[in-house]
Amino acid sequence: MKAAQPKAPPAARDDAELVKRCAQGDQQAWAELVDKYKNLIFSIPIKYGFTREDAAEVFQQVCLELLTYLNELRNPTGLAKWLMQVTSHRCYHWKQQSRRMVSESEAPQTEVPATAVQHPIDVLREAEREQALRDAIAILTPRCREMIRMLFFEDAPRPYSEVASALGMASGSVGFIRGRCLEKLRAHLEKMGHA
């Protein structure tokens, strides 16, 4: 008798399934879809040098566009790439509109050094790599996800003793389990073609 497969965490759900449920009016599926891609969408305007407020506005516009065109998506499995393109286009149009507003008001222009702005292709590649990492982390076990979050994604990484206490394990086993979790993460990234 086969052991039951563990249920995928919400962030790891299949995009086609989420899109289908969203199209049927499932509010929970919409919340999961937005939660899955919120960091991807928000990161792109930040990489273009937008303020957090402007990035939040772009985020809202992209979510509205996703909601508007949800039923017309031909390939829900390519949703991440579609979102990156839509967000990048929104950023471009936002910058164009901002330039027009500045030139119309004849305010003195302060040029951003060319080295401070990433090329759009580089922004999209970086956003794609970051999303692949988020997707790979979402596939990990809850303990590995939490350990990686505590050790690598907090502003001040926690000492092993705190990680051990939070996860209910011996302090001496954190390094070993951390290594196993990172190996699983690497394997997921390789499987996804992002090693």
Protein backbone atom coordinates (compact mmCIF):
# COMPACT_ATOMS: atom_id res chain seq x y z
CA MET A 1 0.00 0.00 0.00
CA LYS A 2 1.37 3.39 -1.00
CA ALA A 3 1.85 6.09 1.58
CA ALA A 4 -0.35 9.13 1.08
CA GLN A 5 1.38 12.04 -0.60
CA PRO A 6 1.61 15.14 1.61
CA LYS A 7 -0.61 17.98 0.51
CA ALA A 8 1.26 20.81 -1.21
CA PRO A 9 1.45 24.05 0.74
CA PRO A 10 -0.78 26.85 -0.61
CA ALA A 11 2.18 28.70 -2.14
CA ALA A 12 3.16 25.60 -4.10
CA ARG A 13 -0.24 24.98 -5.66
CA ASP A 14 -0.34 24.60 -9.41
CA ASP A 15 -0.95 27.89 -11.23
CA ALA A 16 -3.41 26.29 -13.65
CA GLU A 17 -5.50 25.04 -10.72
CA LEU A 18 -5.42 28.45 -9.00
CA VAL A 19 -6.33 30.32 -12.19
CA LYS A 20 -9.22 27.94 -12.86
CA ARG A 21 -10.54 28.38 -9.32
CA CYS A 22 -10.12 32.17 -9.56
CA ALA A 23 -12.08 32.21 -12.81
CA GLN A 24 -14.87 30.39 -10.94
CA GLY A 25 -14.96 33.18 -8.36
CA ASP A 26 -13.04 31.42 -5.58
CA GLN A 27 -11.80 34.24 -3.32
CA GLN A 28 -9.43 31.92 -1.43
CA ALA A 29 -7.75 30.94 -4.71
CA TRP A 30 -7.36 34.63 -5.61
CA ALA A 31 -5.76 35.31 -2.21
CA GLU A 32 -3.38 32.35 -2.73
CA LEU A 33 -2.47 33.50 -6.24
CA VAL A 34 -1.73 37.07 -5.13
CA ASP A 35 0.20 35.79 -2.10
CA LYS A 36 2.27 33.49 -4.32
CA TYR A 37 3.32 36.30 -6.67
CA LYS A 38 3.24 39.43 -4.51
CA ASN A 39 7.00 39.47 -3.95
CA LEU A 40 7.70 38.95 -7.65
CA ILE A 41 5.39 41.78 -8.72
CA PHE A 42 6.56 44.20 -6.03
CA SER A 43 10.27 43.49 -6.59
CA ILE A 44 10.30 44.64 -10.21
CA PRO A 45 9.40 48.33 -9.65
CA ILE A 46 11.82 48.38 -6.71
CA LYS A 47 14.59 47.15 -9.03
CA TYR A 48 13.69 49.96 -11.43
CA GLY A 49 14.27 52.45 -8.61
CA PHE A 50 10.64 53.24 -7.76
CA THR A 51 9.69 54.43 -4.30
CA ARG A 52 7.82 51.91 -2.16
CA GLU A 53 4.63 53.95 -2.63
CA ASP A 54 4.97 53.96 -6.42
CA ALA A 55 5.87 50.24 -6.37
CA ALA A 56 2.69 49.59 -4.38
CA GLU A 57 0.69 51.50 -7.00
CA VAL A 58 2.25 49.43 -9.80
CA PHE A 59 1.47 46.29 -7.77
CA GLN A 60 -2.20 47.30 -7.59
CA GLN A 61 -2.32 48.00 -11.33
CA VAL A 62 -0.77 44.62 -12.16
CA CYS A 63 -3.20 42.78 -9.86
CA LEU A 64 -6.09 44.60 -11.51
CA GLU A 65 -4.78 43.65 -14.95
CA LEU A 66 -4.40 40.03 -13.84
CA LEU A 67 -7.97 40.01 -12.58
CA THR A 68 -9.19 41.60 -15.82
CA TYR A 69 -7.40 39.13 -18.11
CA LEU A 70 -7.59 36.02 -15.92
CA ASN A 71 -10.09 34.24 -18.18
CA GLU A 72 -8.01 35.02 -21.26
CA LEU A 73 -4.73 33.50 -20.08
CA ARG A 74 -3.77 30.93 -22.68
CA ASN A 75 -1.05 29.30 -20.62
CA PRO A 76 -1.52 29.53 -16.83
CA THR A 77 1.74 27.61 -16.33
CA GLY A 78 3.54 30.66 -17.75
CA LEU A 79 1.86 33.02 -15.30
CA ALA A 80 5.11 34.13 -13.61
CA LYS A 81 6.61 35.24 -16.94
CA TRP A 82 3.36 36.97 -17.91
CA LEU A 83 3.34 38.84 -14.60
CA MET A 84 6.98 39.88 -15.08
CA GLN A 85 6.24 41.25 -18.54
CA VAL A 86 3.09 43.07 -17.45
CA THR A 87 4.87 44.55 -14.44
CA SER A 88 7.83 45.63 -16.55
CA HIS A 89 5.49 47.30 -19.06
CA ARG A 90 3.64 49.05 -16.22
CA CYS A 91 6.97 50.33 -14.88
CA TYR A 92 7.97 51.62 -18.31
CA HIS A 93 4.65 53.44 -18.77
CA TRP A 94 4.81 54.82 -15.23
CA LYS A 95 8.29 56.24 -15.90
CA GLN A 96 7.14 57.71 -19.23
CA GLN A 97 4.16 59.35 -17.55
CA SER A 98 6.34 60.69 -14.74
CA ARG A 99 8.79 62.20 -17.26
CA ARG A 100 5.94 63.94 -19.09
CA MET A 101 4.59 65.34 -15.84
CA VAL A 102 8.04 66.64 -14.87
CA SER A 103 8.66 68.22 -18.28
CA GLU A 104 5.21 69.84 -18.28
CA SER A 105 5.82 71.41 -14.90
CA GLU A 106 9.31 72.50 -16.03
CA ALA A 107 10.81 71.32 -12.78
CA PRO A 108 14.57 70.94 -12.82
CA GLN A 109 15.46 67.44 -13.89
CA THR A 110 17.74 65.36 -11.77
CA GLU A 111 19.22 62.64 -13.89
CA VAL A 112 19.67 59.22 -12.38
CA PRO A 113 23.14 57.93 -13.18
CA ALA A 114 23.00 55.24 -15.86
CA THR A 115 24.83 52.84 -13.55
CA ALA A 116 22.05 53.15 -10.93
CA VAL A 117 19.34 51.81 -13.25
CA GLN A 118 19.28 48.17 -14.29
CA HIS A 119 18.61 47.21 -17.87
CA PRO A 120 15.03 45.85 -18.23
CA ILE A 121 16.29 42.43 -19.36
CA ASP A 122 18.51 42.20 -16.27
CA VAL A 123 15.58 43.19 -14.05
CA LEU A 124 13.40 40.45 -15.54
CA ARG A 125 16.15 37.82 -15.27
CA GLU A 126 16.77 38.71 -11.64
CA ALA A 127 13.03 38.68 -10.89
CA GLU A 128 12.72 35.28 -12.58
CA ARG A 129 15.58 33.83 -10.49
CA GLU A 130 14.06 35.24 -7.30
CA GLN A 131 10.64 33.78 -8.14
CA ALA A 132 12.22 30.39 -8.88
CA LEU A 133 13.83 30.52 -5.44
CA ARG A 134 10.48 31.40 -3.80
CA ASP A 135 8.78 28.54 -5.70
CA ALA A 136 11.51 26.07 -4.71
CA ILE A 137 11.32 27.13 -1.05
CA ALA A 138 7.53 26.68 -1.12
CA ILE A 139 8.00 23.01 -2.08
CA LEU A 140 10.20 22.29 0.97
CA THR A 141 8.84 20.84 4.18
CA PRO A 142 7.47 23.38 6.66
CA ARG A 143 10.49 22.88 8.95
CA CYS A 144 12.97 23.53 6.11
CA ARG A 145 10.99 26.56 4.92
CA GLU A 146 10.98 28.04 8.41
CA MET A 147 14.65 27.28 9.00
CA ILE A 148 15.68 28.90 5.72
CA ARG A 149 13.52 31.93 6.50
CA MET A 150 15.08 32.34 9.96
CA LEU A 151 18.66 31.81 8.78
CA PHE A 152 18.67 33.63 5.44
CA PHE A 153 15.70 35.98 5.07
CA GLU A 154 15.53 37.84 8.36
CA ASP A 155 17.41 41.12 8.66
CA ALA A 156 19.50 39.68 11.46
CA PRO A 157 19.90 35.92 11.05
CA ARG A 158 19.07 34.06 14.24
CA PRO A 159 21.69 32.13 16.15
CA TYR A 160 21.44 28.35 15.91
CA SER A 161 20.25 28.16 19.52
CA GLU A 162 17.19 30.32 18.73
CA VAL A 163 16.48 28.36 15.54
CA ALA A 164 16.70 25.11 17.48
CA SER A 165 14.37 26.39 20.17
CA ALA A 166 11.83 27.73 17.66
CA LEU A 167 11.80 24.46 15.70
CA GLY A 168 11.94 22.15 18.71
CA MET A 169 15.26 20.47 17.94
CA ALA A 170 18.69 20.10 19.50
CA SER A 171 21.09 22.99 18.84
CA GLY A 172 23.71 20.58 17.55
CA SER A 173 21.43 19.30 14.79
CA VAL A 174 20.67 22.70 13.21
CA GLY A 175 23.80 22.74 11.02
CA PHE A 176 23.17 19.23 9.71
CA ILE A 177 19.47 19.85 9.00
CA ARG A 178 20.32 23.24 7.45
CA GLY A 179 22.67 21.42 5.04
CA ARG A 180 19.99 18.87 4.13
CA CYS A 181 17.42 21.62 3.57
CA LEU A 182 19.81 23.57 1.33
CA GLU A 183 20.59 20.39 -0.63
CA LYS A 184 16.85 19.80 -1.17
CA LEU A 185 16.46 23.43 -2.22
CA ARG A 186 19.31 23.08 -4.71
CA ALA A 187 17.74 19.88 -6.10
CA HIS A 188 14.38 21.64 -6.56
CA LEU A 189 16.08 24.55 -8.33
CA GLU A 190 17.95 22.15 -10.63
CA LYS A 191 14.72 20.32 -11.42
CA MET A 192 13.16 23.68 -12.30
CA GLY A 193 16.14 24.53 -14.53
CA HIS A 194 17.53 27.27 -12.28
CA ALA A 195 20.65 25.75 -10.74
